[in-house]
C-alpha cells in the first residue's frame, strides 16, 4: 500500500502515483515523498525520477537510498528496508546490506 497526501493506492498503481507526485514536484519545486509503510519511502522529483529511501537512523544519518524505482521492485525495496532497519538497530551500518557480496 502506498500513501500520498492522505490517499492510499495499491502497489500496482505506483506509476499513476508517480505521475501525480511528479506534477506536484513541478508545481512546488520540491521532491515529493510517497509513504510505503514500515519506514520505506519513494521520493519523486520534478523530472519524474523516483527512488526508494529507507528510514534507518544510524550514526546521525536518518535515511539511506536503496535504489531507483526502475531497478528495484516494491517487494525488494520492502525486504531491503526491513533488513537495513534491523542492521541499524543492531549497531551495524545499514549500507552493508546493499554492498556487493564477495565470494
N, C-alpha and C. Protein backbone atom coordinates (compact mmCIF):
# COMPACT_ATOMS: atom_id res chain seq x y z
N UNK A 1 0.85 -1.17 0.00
CA UNK A 1 0.00 0.00 0.00
C UNK A 1 0.89 1.24 0.00
N UNK A 2 0.55 2.20 -0.80
CA UNK A 2 1.30 3.45 -0.91
C UNK A 2 0.38 4.58 -0.49
N UNK A 3 0.91 5.49 0.30
CA UNK A 3 0.11 6.63 0.77
C UNK A 3 0.77 7.91 0.26
N UNK A 4 -0.07 8.76 -0.35
CA UNK A 4 0.41 10.06 -0.83
C UNK A 4 -0.67 11.09 -0.57
N UNK A 5 -0.33 12.11 0.20
CA UNK A 5 -1.25 13.19 0.54
C UNK A 5 -2.56 12.67 1.13
N UNK A 6 -2.44 11.65 1.99
CA UNK A 6 -3.59 11.11 2.70
C UNK A 6 -4.43 10.12 1.92
N UNK A 7 -4.04 9.83 0.68
CA UNK A 7 -4.80 8.89 -0.15
C UNK A 7 -3.99 7.61 -0.29
N UNK A 8 -4.64 6.47 -0.14
CA UNK A 8 -3.96 5.18 -0.27
C UNK A 8 -4.16 4.62 -1.67
N UNK A 9 -3.07 4.07 -2.22
CA UNK A 9 -3.07 3.45 -3.53
C UNK A 9 -2.55 2.03 -3.41
N UNK A 10 -2.97 1.15 -4.30
CA UNK A 10 -2.41 -0.20 -4.36
C UNK A 10 -1.00 -0.12 -4.93
N UNK A 11 -0.18 -1.13 -4.63
CA UNK A 11 1.19 -1.16 -5.14
C UNK A 11 1.23 -1.12 -6.67
N UNK A 12 0.22 -1.68 -7.32
CA UNK A 12 0.21 -1.70 -8.78
C UNK A 12 -0.05 -0.32 -9.37
N UNK A 13 -0.50 0.63 -8.57
CA UNK A 13 -0.77 1.99 -9.03
C UNK A 13 0.46 2.89 -8.94
N UNK A 14 1.64 2.32 -8.74
CA UNK A 14 2.84 3.11 -8.49
C UNK A 14 3.11 4.10 -9.63
N UNK A 15 2.86 3.71 -10.88
CA UNK A 15 3.10 4.63 -11.99
C UNK A 15 2.13 5.81 -11.97
N UNK A 16 0.88 5.54 -11.61
CA UNK A 16 -0.12 6.60 -11.51
C UNK A 16 0.24 7.58 -10.38
N UNK A 17 0.63 7.03 -9.25
CA UNK A 17 1.02 7.86 -8.11
C UNK A 17 2.26 8.67 -8.46
N UNK A 18 3.19 8.04 -9.15
CA UNK A 18 4.42 8.72 -9.56
C UNK A 18 4.10 9.92 -10.45
N UNK A 19 3.17 9.76 -11.38
CA UNK A 19 2.77 10.87 -12.26
C UNK A 19 2.16 12.01 -11.47
N UNK A 20 1.32 11.69 -10.51
CA UNK A 20 0.70 12.71 -9.66
C UNK A 20 1.78 13.44 -8.86
N UNK A 21 2.69 12.67 -8.27
CA UNK A 21 3.76 13.26 -7.46
C UNK A 21 4.70 14.11 -8.31
N UNK A 22 4.97 13.67 -9.55
CA UNK A 22 5.82 14.45 -10.46
C UNK A 22 5.19 15.81 -10.75
N UNK A 23 3.89 15.82 -11.02
CA UNK A 23 3.19 17.09 -11.27
C UNK A 23 3.28 18.01 -10.05
N UNK A 24 3.12 17.43 -8.87
CA UNK A 24 3.21 18.23 -7.64
C UNK A 24 4.63 18.74 -7.42
N UNK A 25 5.62 17.91 -7.73
CA UNK A 25 7.02 18.33 -7.59
C UNK A 25 7.34 19.48 -8.55
N UNK A 26 6.79 19.41 -9.76
CA UNK A 26 7.00 20.51 -10.72
C UNK A 26 6.36 21.79 -10.20
N UNK A 27 5.16 21.65 -9.62
CA UNK A 27 4.44 22.82 -9.12
C UNK A 27 5.15 23.47 -7.94
N UNK A 28 5.65 22.65 -7.01
CA UNK A 28 6.26 23.18 -5.78
C UNK A 28 7.76 23.37 -5.86
N UNK A 29 8.41 22.67 -6.81
CA UNK A 29 9.87 22.73 -6.91
C UNK A 29 10.57 21.87 -5.87
N UNK A 30 9.81 21.00 -5.19
CA UNK A 30 10.38 20.14 -4.15
C UNK A 30 10.06 18.67 -4.45
N UNK A 31 11.01 17.77 -4.17
CA UNK A 31 10.72 16.34 -4.34
C UNK A 31 9.54 15.94 -3.45
N UNK A 32 8.74 15.01 -3.93
CA UNK A 32 7.58 14.54 -3.19
C UNK A 32 7.87 13.19 -2.55
N UNK A 33 7.29 12.96 -1.40
CA UNK A 33 7.52 11.74 -0.62
C UNK A 33 6.28 10.87 -0.63
N UNK A 34 6.43 9.64 -1.11
CA UNK A 34 5.35 8.66 -1.06
C UNK A 34 5.66 7.71 0.09
N UNK A 35 4.73 7.53 1.00
CA UNK A 35 4.94 6.65 2.14
C UNK A 35 4.46 5.25 1.77
N UNK A 36 5.35 4.28 1.91
CA UNK A 36 5.03 2.90 1.52
C UNK A 36 4.93 1.97 2.72
N UNK A 37 5.05 2.49 3.92
CA UNK A 37 4.90 1.69 5.14
C UNK A 37 6.20 1.08 5.62
N UNK A 38 6.25 0.83 6.93
CA UNK A 38 7.40 0.20 7.60
C UNK A 38 8.72 0.91 7.31
N UNK A 39 8.69 2.23 7.24
CA UNK A 39 9.92 3.01 7.07
C UNK A 39 10.40 3.13 5.64
N UNK A 40 9.63 2.64 4.68
CA UNK A 40 10.02 2.73 3.27
C UNK A 40 9.33 3.93 2.62
N UNK A 41 10.11 4.74 1.92
CA UNK A 41 9.59 5.90 1.21
C UNK A 41 10.00 5.81 -0.26
N UNK A 42 9.21 6.43 -1.11
CA UNK A 42 9.57 6.60 -2.50
C UNK A 42 9.60 8.10 -2.75
N UNK A 43 10.74 8.60 -3.15
CA UNK A 43 10.89 10.02 -3.44
C UNK A 43 10.76 10.23 -4.94
N UNK A 44 10.05 11.30 -5.35
CA UNK A 44 9.85 11.61 -6.77
C UNK A 44 10.20 13.06 -7.00
N UNK A 45 11.08 13.31 -8.00
CA UNK A 45 11.44 14.70 -8.28
C UNK A 45 10.61 15.26 -9.44
N UNK A 46 10.89 16.51 -9.79
CA UNK A 46 10.09 17.18 -10.82
C UNK A 46 10.33 16.67 -12.24
N UNK A 47 11.35 15.84 -12.43
CA UNK A 47 11.63 15.24 -13.74
C UNK A 47 10.99 13.86 -13.87
N UNK A 48 10.36 13.37 -12.78
CA UNK A 48 9.73 12.07 -12.79
C UNK A 48 10.63 10.95 -12.31
N UNK A 49 11.88 11.27 -11.95
CA UNK A 49 12.79 10.25 -11.43
C UNK A 49 12.36 9.88 -10.02
N UNK A 50 12.28 8.59 -9.75
CA UNK A 50 11.83 8.12 -8.44
C UNK A 50 12.84 7.15 -7.86
N UNK A 51 13.04 7.22 -6.54
CA UNK A 51 13.98 6.34 -5.87
C UNK A 51 13.46 5.94 -4.51
N UNK A 52 13.87 4.76 -4.07
CA UNK A 52 13.47 4.21 -2.77
C UNK A 52 14.41 4.70 -1.69
N UNK A 53 13.85 5.06 -0.54
CA UNK A 53 14.61 5.51 0.61
C UNK A 53 14.07 4.79 1.84
N UNK A 54 14.98 4.41 2.74
CA UNK A 54 14.56 3.75 3.98
C UNK A 54 14.94 4.63 5.17
N UNK A 55 14.04 4.69 6.15
CA UNK A 55 14.34 5.36 7.42
C UNK A 55 15.01 4.33 8.32
N UNK A 56 16.28 4.54 8.58
CA UNK A 56 17.03 3.62 9.44
C UNK A 56 18.12 4.42 10.15
N UNK A 57 17.77 5.14 11.21
CA UNK A 57 18.74 6.00 11.89
C UNK A 57 20.00 5.25 12.31
N UNK A 58 21.15 5.80 11.89
CA UNK A 58 22.44 5.18 12.20
C UNK A 58 23.51 6.26 12.20
N UNK A 59 24.18 6.45 13.32
CA UNK A 59 25.28 7.41 13.48
C UNK A 59 24.96 8.79 12.90
N UNK A 60 23.79 9.32 13.24
CA UNK A 60 23.43 10.67 12.84
C UNK A 60 22.80 10.78 11.47
N UNK A 61 22.83 9.74 10.68
CA UNK A 61 22.18 9.75 9.36
C UNK A 61 20.84 9.05 9.49
N UNK A 62 19.79 9.67 9.00
CA UNK A 62 18.44 9.13 9.22
C UNK A 62 17.91 8.28 8.08
N UNK A 63 18.30 8.60 6.85
CA UNK A 63 17.76 7.85 5.71
C UNK A 63 18.87 7.37 4.79
N UNK A 64 18.58 6.29 4.08
CA UNK A 64 19.53 5.71 3.13
C UNK A 64 18.80 5.35 1.85
N UNK A 65 19.45 5.61 0.72
CA UNK A 65 18.86 5.28 -0.57
C UNK A 65 19.05 3.81 -0.87
N UNK A 66 17.98 3.16 -1.36
CA UNK A 66 18.04 1.74 -1.72
C UNK A 66 18.32 1.58 -3.21
N UNK A 67 17.65 2.37 -4.04
CA UNK A 67 17.83 2.28 -5.48
C UNK A 67 16.68 2.96 -6.21
N UNK A 68 16.75 2.97 -7.53
CA UNK A 68 15.71 3.64 -8.31
C UNK A 68 14.46 2.77 -8.43
N UNK A 69 13.36 3.41 -8.69
CA UNK A 69 12.10 2.71 -8.86
C UNK A 69 12.17 1.78 -10.07
N UNK A 70 12.96 2.15 -11.07
CA UNK A 70 13.09 1.34 -12.28
C UNK A 70 13.87 0.05 -12.04
N UNK A 71 14.82 0.07 -11.12
CA UNK A 71 15.69 -1.09 -10.93
C UNK A 71 15.35 -1.94 -9.71
N UNK A 72 14.51 -1.44 -8.81
CA UNK A 72 14.16 -2.17 -7.59
C UNK A 72 12.64 -2.24 -7.46
N UNK A 73 12.10 -3.44 -7.36
CA UNK A 73 10.64 -3.59 -7.21
C UNK A 73 10.23 -3.17 -5.81
N UNK A 74 8.95 -2.91 -5.62
CA UNK A 74 8.46 -2.53 -4.30
C UNK A 74 8.65 -3.67 -3.30
N UNK A 75 8.52 -4.91 -3.75
CA UNK A 75 8.73 -6.06 -2.87
C UNK A 75 10.18 -6.12 -2.40
N UNK A 76 11.11 -5.96 -3.35
CA UNK A 76 12.54 -5.97 -2.99
C UNK A 76 12.89 -4.77 -2.11
N UNK A 77 12.27 -3.63 -2.38
CA UNK A 77 12.53 -2.44 -1.57
C UNK A 77 12.06 -2.65 -0.13
N UNK A 78 10.90 -3.29 0.04
CA UNK A 78 10.41 -3.58 1.40
C UNK A 78 11.37 -4.55 2.11
N UNK A 79 11.85 -5.56 1.42
CA UNK A 79 12.78 -6.52 2.03
C UNK A 79 14.07 -5.81 2.44
N UNK A 80 14.59 -4.97 1.56
CA UNK A 80 15.81 -4.23 1.87
C UNK A 80 15.59 -3.29 3.04
N UNK A 81 14.43 -2.63 3.06
CA UNK A 81 14.10 -1.69 4.14
C UNK A 81 14.12 -2.39 5.50
N UNK A 82 13.45 -3.53 5.58
CA UNK A 82 13.40 -4.27 6.85
C UNK A 82 14.79 -4.74 7.28
N UNK A 83 15.57 -5.25 6.32
CA UNK A 83 16.91 -5.73 6.64
C UNK A 83 17.82 -4.58 7.08
N UNK A 84 17.71 -3.43 6.41
CA UNK A 84 18.55 -2.29 6.75
C UNK A 84 18.17 -1.72 8.12
N UNK A 85 16.88 -1.70 8.44
CA UNK A 85 16.45 -1.23 9.76
C UNK A 85 16.96 -2.16 10.85
N UNK A 86 16.94 -3.45 10.59
CA UNK A 86 17.44 -4.44 11.55
C UNK A 86 18.94 -4.23 11.80
N UNK A 87 19.70 -4.00 10.73
CA UNK A 87 21.13 -3.73 10.87
C UNK A 87 21.37 -2.47 11.70
N UNK A 88 20.62 -1.41 11.41
CA UNK A 88 20.80 -0.15 12.14
C UNK A 88 20.49 -0.32 13.63
N UNK A 89 19.44 -1.07 13.95
CA UNK A 89 19.09 -1.30 15.35
C UNK A 89 20.15 -2.10 16.08
N UNK A 90 20.84 -2.98 15.36
CA UNK A 90 21.89 -3.79 15.99
C UNK A 90 23.22 -3.05 16.08
N UNK A 91 23.28 -1.81 15.53
CA UNK A 91 24.51 -1.03 15.60
C UNK A 91 25.40 -1.19 14.39
N UNK A 92 24.94 -1.91 13.39
CA UNK A 92 25.72 -2.10 12.15
C UNK A 92 25.29 -1.08 11.10
N UNK A 93 26.16 -0.84 10.16
CA UNK A 93 25.87 0.11 9.09
C UNK A 93 24.83 -0.50 8.13
N UNK A 94 23.68 0.15 7.95
CA UNK A 94 22.64 -0.38 7.06
C UNK A 94 23.10 -0.53 5.61
N UNK A 95 24.08 0.27 5.22
CA UNK A 95 24.58 0.19 3.84
C UNK A 95 25.28 -1.14 3.56
N UNK A 96 25.65 -1.85 4.62
CA UNK A 96 26.27 -3.17 4.43
C UNK A 96 25.34 -4.13 3.70
N UNK A 97 24.03 -3.94 3.86
CA UNK A 97 23.06 -4.80 3.18
C UNK A 97 23.15 -4.63 1.67
N UNK A 98 23.43 -3.42 1.22
CA UNK A 98 23.48 -3.13 -0.21
C UNK A 98 24.85 -3.35 -0.82
N UNK A 99 25.87 -3.52 0.00
CA UNK A 99 27.24 -3.70 -0.50
C UNK A 99 27.33 -5.00 -1.29
N UNK A 100 28.09 -4.99 -2.39
CA UNK A 100 28.25 -6.22 -3.18
C UNK A 100 28.88 -7.31 -2.34
N UNK A 101 28.36 -8.50 -2.47
CA UNK A 101 28.90 -9.64 -1.73
C UNK A 101 30.05 -10.25 -2.50
N UNK A 102 31.18 -10.43 -1.84
CA UNK A 102 32.34 -11.05 -2.49
C UNK A 102 32.40 -12.53 -2.08
N UNK A 103 32.69 -13.40 -3.07
CA UNK A 103 32.73 -14.85 -2.74
C UNK A 103 33.90 -15.23 -1.87
